[in-house]
Amino acid sequence: MIKALLQRISKDTDSKVDWKLLMLFIPVAYMSYLFHELGHWSVGEVPGNSMTYSLNNVSPQSGHYMNPSQGLWISVGGPAFTVLLALIFLLVIRIYKVAWAYPFVFFQFFCRFFSVVFGVFSEQDEANISAITGAGRYTIAIIVVVLLFLLIWKGSYILKLNVKSNFYFFTISVLSDLMVIATSKYI
């Protein structure tokens, strides 16, 4: 499947996508997961919780937080770091007009969209935040996904990327995300 996609892209002159840019999504996917979890870990460690950290999970070593109210802020840490990463790389795109920064913006949207739509929603950070704050069940998820979508829209506009380019990015993001999910059990 990847070989067919790469052959199609090499013949496509109007999408502004090459195989190097697509292959960048694989390390970006791993870095994005680690950065998202770093958000949870950082917010958990600051008030004194001893946290475990892995590719796709952060939790208190003791099995509970020092203060139950910290659960909200620790849940917020992951999505907040995800949005922060997208904003940083959108700024890089805006200043330098470099396409290599776009996967960092695009994958943040994709990752939250994918986990909210295809993951077990009740286990997602946004669902937890909504439950703790009393917001509507999907309110926080919609806010995060729409905000990240607006960032990729802006990045696409700056770089003059068309819908076909973003379709390629979406396809490679699916493969990259599945790769991270599959390997997270072994790391």
Protein backbone atom coordinates (compact mmCIF):
# COMPACT_ATOMS: atom_id res chain seq x y z
CA MET A 1 0.00 0.00 0.00
CA ILE A 2 2.79 2.42 0.90
CA LYS A 3 4.68 1.58 -2.29
CA ALA A 4 1.58 2.28 -4.42
CA LEU A 5 1.00 5.54 -2.60
CA LEU A 6 4.61 6.64 -3.11
CA GLN A 7 4.43 5.78 -6.84
CA ARG A 8 1.25 7.78 -7.22
CA ILE A 9 2.78 10.75 -5.43
CA SER A 10 5.94 10.67 -7.55
CA LYS A 11 3.77 11.10 -10.66
CA ASP A 12 1.63 13.83 -9.09
CA THR A 13 2.99 17.28 -9.90
CA ASP A 14 0.23 19.49 -8.50
CA SER A 15 0.10 18.22 -4.89
CA LYS A 16 3.46 19.65 -3.68
CA VAL A 17 4.11 16.43 -1.80
CA ASP A 18 7.12 14.18 -2.10
CA TRP A 19 7.98 10.89 -0.44
CA LYS A 20 10.44 12.52 2.00
CA LEU A 21 7.71 14.75 3.38
CA LEU A 22 5.39 11.76 3.75
CA MET A 23 8.02 9.63 5.44
CA LEU A 24 8.55 12.43 7.96
CA PHE A 25 5.12 11.53 9.36
CA ILE A 26 6.49 8.32 10.91
CA PRO A 27 8.93 9.97 13.35
CA VAL A 28 6.50 12.87 13.80
CA ALA A 29 3.86 10.39 14.96
CA TYR A 30 6.15 8.95 17.63
CA MET A 31 7.33 12.39 18.74
CA SER A 32 3.75 13.64 18.89
CA TYR A 33 2.64 10.81 21.15
CA LEU A 34 5.65 11.34 23.41
CA PHE A 35 5.04 15.10 23.56
CA HIS A 36 1.34 14.59 24.33
CA GLU A 37 2.21 12.21 27.16
CA LEU A 38 4.90 14.64 28.33
CA GLY A 39 2.07 17.12 28.90
CA HIS A 40 0.31 14.68 31.23
CA TRP A 41 3.56 13.71 32.94
CA SER A 42 4.72 17.31 33.48
CA VAL A 43 1.43 18.45 34.96
CA GLY A 44 1.38 15.36 37.18
CA GLU A 45 4.97 15.68 38.38
CA VAL A 46 4.87 19.42 39.20
CA PRO A 47 2.55 19.05 42.23
CA GLY A 48 4.58 16.06 43.47
CA ASN A 49 2.96 12.96 41.96
CA SER A 50 5.44 10.29 41.00
CA MET A 51 4.34 9.47 37.44
CA THR A 52 5.16 6.63 35.03
CA TYR A 53 5.74 7.62 31.41
CA SER A 54 5.44 5.57 28.24
CA LEU A 55 4.68 6.09 24.56
CA ASN A 56 0.93 6.06 25.02
CA ASN A 57 0.27 6.28 28.74
CA VAL A 58 1.09 8.27 31.82
CA SER A 59 -0.20 7.32 35.24
CA PRO A 60 0.69 7.81 38.89
CA GLN A 61 3.03 5.12 40.21
CA SER A 62 0.93 4.76 43.34
CA GLY A 63 -2.26 4.23 41.31
CA HIS A 64 -3.82 7.50 42.49
CA TYR A 65 -3.04 11.22 42.56
CA MET A 66 -1.95 12.99 45.74
CA ASN A 67 -5.07 15.12 45.39
CA PRO A 68 -8.07 13.87 43.36
CA SER A 69 -8.64 17.34 41.90
CA GLN A 70 -5.30 17.03 40.07
CA GLY A 71 -6.93 14.58 37.65
CA LEU A 72 -8.51 17.42 35.68
CA TRP A 73 -5.24 19.28 35.16
CA ILE A 74 -3.32 16.13 34.32
CA SER A 75 -5.99 15.29 31.71
CA VAL A 76 -5.72 18.82 30.29
CA GLY A 77 -1.90 18.54 30.04
CA GLY A 78 -1.89 16.14 27.07
CA PRO A 79 -4.27 18.02 24.77
CA ALA A 80 -2.71 21.34 25.84
CA PHE A 81 0.76 20.12 24.82
CA THR A 82 -0.71 18.78 21.56
CA VAL A 83 -2.18 22.20 20.71
CA LEU A 84 1.06 23.90 21.80
CA LEU A 85 3.12 21.69 19.47
CA ALA A 86 0.82 22.50 16.54
CA LEU A 87 1.00 26.23 17.33
CA ILE A 88 4.81 26.19 17.52
CA PHE A 89 5.14 24.52 14.13
CA LEU A 90 2.44 26.72 12.58
CA LEU A 91 4.59 29.65 13.67
CA VAL A 92 7.59 28.01 11.96
CA ILE A 93 5.48 27.64 8.80
CA ARG A 94 4.34 31.25 9.00
CA ILE A 95 7.85 32.64 9.46
CA TYR A 96 9.90 30.33 7.21
CA LYS A 97 7.29 28.90 4.78
CA VAL A 98 8.80 25.39 5.10
CA ALA A 99 6.76 22.31 4.27
CA TRP A 100 8.73 20.03 6.62
CA ALA A 101 7.00 21.73 9.57
CA TYR A 102 3.51 20.90 8.27
CA PRO A 103 3.47 17.23 9.41
CA PHE A 104 3.90 18.49 12.98
CA VAL A 105 0.77 20.60 12.62
CA PHE A 106 -1.26 18.10 10.61
CA PHE A 107 -0.55 15.07 12.79
CA GLN A 108 -1.70 16.86 15.95
CA PHE A 109 -5.14 17.33 14.38
CA PHE A 110 -5.18 13.82 13.00
CA CYS A 111 -4.12 12.22 16.28
CA ARG A 112 -6.86 13.87 18.34
CA PHE A 113 -9.45 13.34 15.57
CA PHE A 114 -8.49 9.67 15.20
CA SER A 115 -8.55 8.96 18.94
CA VAL A 116 -11.87 10.74 19.48
CA VAL A 117 -13.62 9.20 16.46
CA PHE A 118 -12.07 5.71 16.35
CA GLY A 119 -10.86 5.20 19.91
CA VAL A 120 -13.00 4.38 22.91
CA PHE A 121 -14.32 7.90 23.46
CA SER A 122 -14.92 7.50 27.19
CA GLU A 123 -11.18 6.78 27.63
CA GLN A 124 -10.00 9.92 25.81
CA ASP A 125 -8.64 12.98 27.60
CA GLU A 126 -11.33 15.24 26.16
CA ALA A 127 -14.12 12.97 27.47
CA ASN A 128 -12.50 12.93 30.90
CA ILE A 129 -12.17 16.72 30.93
CA SER A 130 -15.82 17.09 29.87
CA ALA A 131 -16.96 14.68 32.60
CA ILE A 132 -14.96 16.41 35.35
CA THR A 133 -16.00 19.93 34.33
CA GLY A 134 -19.61 19.08 33.57
CA ALA A 135 -19.29 20.29 30.00
CA GLY A 136 -21.34 18.47 27.39
CA ARG A 137 -20.04 14.98 26.59
CA TYR A 138 -18.40 16.01 23.29
CA THR A 139 -17.83 19.72 23.99
CA ILE A 140 -14.13 19.61 24.82
CA ALA A 141 -13.41 17.11 22.03
CA ILE A 142 -15.13 19.34 19.48
CA ILE A 143 -13.26 22.42 20.71
CA VAL A 144 -9.86 20.68 20.52
CA VAL A 145 -10.46 19.05 17.13
CA VAL A 146 -11.90 22.23 15.57
CA LEU A 147 -9.02 24.33 16.93
CA LEU A 148 -6.45 21.90 15.51
CA PHE A 149 -8.35 21.76 12.20
CA LEU A 150 -8.17 25.56 11.96
CA LEU A 151 -4.41 25.35 12.49
CA ILE A 152 -3.98 22.92 9.60
CA TRP A 153 -6.27 25.04 7.47
CA LYS A 154 -4.04 28.04 8.16
CA GLY A 155 -0.88 26.01 7.51
CA SER A 156 -2.33 24.69 4.23
CA TYR A 157 -3.20 28.22 3.19
CA ILE A 158 0.28 29.55 3.95
CA LEU A 159 1.99 26.68 2.12
CA LYS A 160 -0.62 26.63 -0.67
CA LEU A 161 -1.35 22.93 -0.12
CA ASN A 162 -4.42 21.60 -1.88
CA VAL A 163 -7.01 19.03 -0.79
CA LYS A 164 -5.12 16.25 -2.59
CA SER A 165 -2.00 17.03 -0.54
CA ASN A 166 -3.99 16.82 2.65
CA PHE A 167 -5.53 13.54 1.50
CA TYR A 168 -2.00 12.13 1.15
CA PHE A 169 -1.17 13.46 4.61
CA PHE A 170 -4.34 11.91 6.03
CA THR A 171 -3.48 8.53 4.48
CA ILE A 172 0.08 8.47 5.77
CA SER A 173 -1.17 9.68 9.16
CA VAL A 174 -3.46 6.64 9.39
CA LEU A 175 -0.53 4.34 8.70
CA SER A 176 1.78 6.22 11.07
CA ASP A 177 -0.80 6.27 13.87
CA LEU A 178 -1.50 2.57 13.51
CA MET A 179 2.25 1.94 13.64
CA VAL A 180 2.55 3.86 16.90
CA ILE A 181 -0.44 2.09 18.41
CA ALA A 182 0.91 -1.31 17.39
CA THR A 183 4.40 -0.67 18.73
CA SER A 184 3.32 1.11 21.92
CA LYS A 185 2.54 -2.29 23.45
CA TYR A 186 6.15 -3.38 23.01
CA ILE A 187 7.94 -0.20 24.05
